[in-house]
Amino acid sequence: MSSKTVLRVLFTCIFGSLFIYSAWASTRQPVWQWGGLDGPDRYWTGATLLDAYFGFITFYVWVFYKEPRWLARAAWLIAILLLGNMAMSAYVLIQLARLGPQQPASEILAARNP
């Protein structure tokens, strides 16, 4: 299976899951009535967690592309899933630090790590 097909399947599943869960949660409670983690509010808490972790997976797709070594890929996956945006911002800062003085920041987006 090509990488384009894998990405299409992954992001179709993410979109579909979020759409279906959000629609389902909306039938239980309007989003503007969310009030916390207990009781009926758990539906939107679940939707928020799904959204966050799917965002982590989306970011990790880029990390997977950039990192050629399996150990680094696995370590970053664990870090992102456990630490979320802290790990993601650390990864971007590391990528920026690897740039030469004349290289634009856009270089980190498509260039794979050595």
Protein backbone atom coordinates (compact mmCIF):
# COMPACT_ATOMS: atom_id res chain seq x y z
CA MET A 1 0.00 0.00 0.00
CA SER A 2 1.40 3.43 -0.91
CA SER A 3 2.08 6.08 1.71
CA LYS A 4 -0.59 8.31 0.14
CA THR A 5 -3.16 5.55 0.60
CA VAL A 6 -2.10 4.97 4.20
CA LEU A 7 -2.40 8.69 4.95
CA ARG A 8 -5.80 8.91 3.24
CA VAL A 9 -7.10 5.97 5.27
CA LEU A 10 -5.65 7.33 8.54
CA PHE A 11 -7.04 10.83 8.13
CA THR A 12 -10.39 9.60 6.82
CA CYS A 13 -10.69 7.47 9.97
CA ILE A 14 -9.72 10.41 12.18
CA PHE A 15 -12.20 12.74 10.47
CA GLY A 16 -14.98 10.15 10.55
CA SER A 17 -14.38 9.22 14.19
CA LEU A 18 -14.38 12.82 15.34
CA PHE A 19 -17.45 13.67 13.28
CA ILE A 20 -19.43 10.67 14.51
CA TYR A 21 -18.40 11.07 18.17
CA SER A 22 -19.12 14.82 18.13
CA ALA A 23 -22.52 14.24 16.53
CA TRP A 24 -23.30 11.56 19.13
CA ALA A 25 -22.15 13.77 22.03
CA SER A 26 -24.32 16.59 20.66
CA THR A 27 -27.38 14.36 21.03
CA ARG A 28 -26.54 13.87 24.71
CA GLN A 29 -25.66 17.46 25.61
CA PRO A 30 -25.14 20.73 23.71
CA VAL A 31 -21.47 21.70 23.72
CA TRP A 32 -22.24 25.12 25.25
CA GLN A 33 -23.61 23.35 28.35
CA TRP A 34 -20.35 21.54 29.16
CA GLY A 35 -19.63 22.00 32.84
CA GLY A 36 -16.86 19.66 33.91
CA LEU A 37 -15.69 16.09 34.13
CA ASP A 38 -18.56 14.51 36.08
CA GLY A 39 -22.00 13.33 35.13
CA PRO A 40 -23.39 13.94 31.66
CA ASP A 41 -20.47 16.22 30.80
CA ARG A 42 -18.32 13.16 30.17
CA TYR A 43 -19.46 13.11 26.52
CA TRP A 44 -17.70 16.35 25.64
CA THR A 45 -14.74 15.45 27.81
CA GLY A 46 -14.41 12.29 25.71
CA ALA A 47 -14.74 14.30 22.50
CA THR A 48 -12.01 16.67 23.69
CA LEU A 49 -9.68 13.79 24.55
CA LEU A 50 -10.29 12.16 21.17
CA ASP A 51 -9.57 15.45 19.45
CA ALA A 52 -6.35 15.95 21.41
CA TYR A 53 -5.02 12.45 20.79
CA PHE A 54 -5.92 12.55 17.10
CA GLY A 55 -4.00 15.84 16.98
CA PHE A 56 -1.04 14.07 18.58
CA ILE A 57 -1.25 11.33 15.94
CA THR A 58 -1.43 13.92 13.17
CA PHE A 59 1.74 15.58 14.48
CA TYR A 60 3.38 12.19 14.91
CA VAL A 61 2.89 11.44 11.20
CA TRP A 62 5.31 14.29 10.53
CA VAL A 63 7.74 13.00 13.18
CA PHE A 64 7.55 9.50 11.65
CA TYR A 65 8.45 10.98 8.26
CA LYS A 66 11.33 13.06 9.63
CA GLU A 67 12.93 10.41 11.83
CA PRO A 68 14.68 7.62 9.90
CA ARG A 69 15.47 5.45 12.95
CA TRP A 70 12.82 3.21 14.53
CA LEU A 71 14.07 3.80 18.07
CA ALA A 72 13.68 7.57 17.70
CA ARG A 73 10.24 7.09 16.15
CA ALA A 74 9.11 4.91 19.05
CA ALA A 75 10.57 7.25 21.68
CA TRP A 76 8.87 10.29 20.18
CA LEU A 77 5.55 8.44 19.89
CA ILE A 78 5.66 7.57 23.59
CA ALA A 79 6.71 11.11 24.53
CA ILE A 80 3.94 12.69 22.44
CA LEU A 81 1.24 10.36 23.79
CA LEU A 82 2.35 10.92 27.40
CA LEU A 83 3.34 14.59 27.33
CA GLY A 84 1.27 15.96 24.46
CA ASN A 85 2.09 19.49 23.40
CA MET A 86 5.14 19.68 25.68
CA ALA A 87 6.82 16.89 23.70
CA MET A 88 5.60 18.34 20.41
CA SER A 89 7.05 21.77 21.17
CA ALA A 90 10.33 20.17 22.31
CA TYR A 91 10.52 18.29 19.01
CA VAL A 92 10.03 21.49 17.00
CA LEU A 93 12.64 23.31 19.11
CA ILE A 94 15.14 20.50 18.48
CA GLN A 95 14.45 20.67 14.74
CA LEU A 96 14.94 24.45 14.76
CA ALA A 97 18.21 24.10 16.70
CA ARG A 98 19.53 21.77 13.99
CA LEU A 99 19.14 24.44 11.32
CA GLY A 100 22.17 26.32 10.12
CA PRO A 101 22.32 30.10 10.61
CA GLN A 102 21.28 30.81 7.01
CA GLN A 103 18.60 28.14 6.70
CA PRO A 104 14.98 29.31 6.85
CA ALA A 105 12.60 27.71 9.35
CA SER A 106 10.64 26.22 6.43
CA GLU A 107 13.53 23.76 5.96
CA ILE A 108 12.34 21.71 8.95
CA LEU A 109 8.98 20.91 7.37
CA ALA A 110 10.01 18.68 4.48
CA ALA A 111 13.66 17.78 5.04
CA ARG A 112 14.22 14.40 6.67
CA ASN A 113 16.69 14.11 9.51
CA PRO A 114 20.03 12.44 8.77
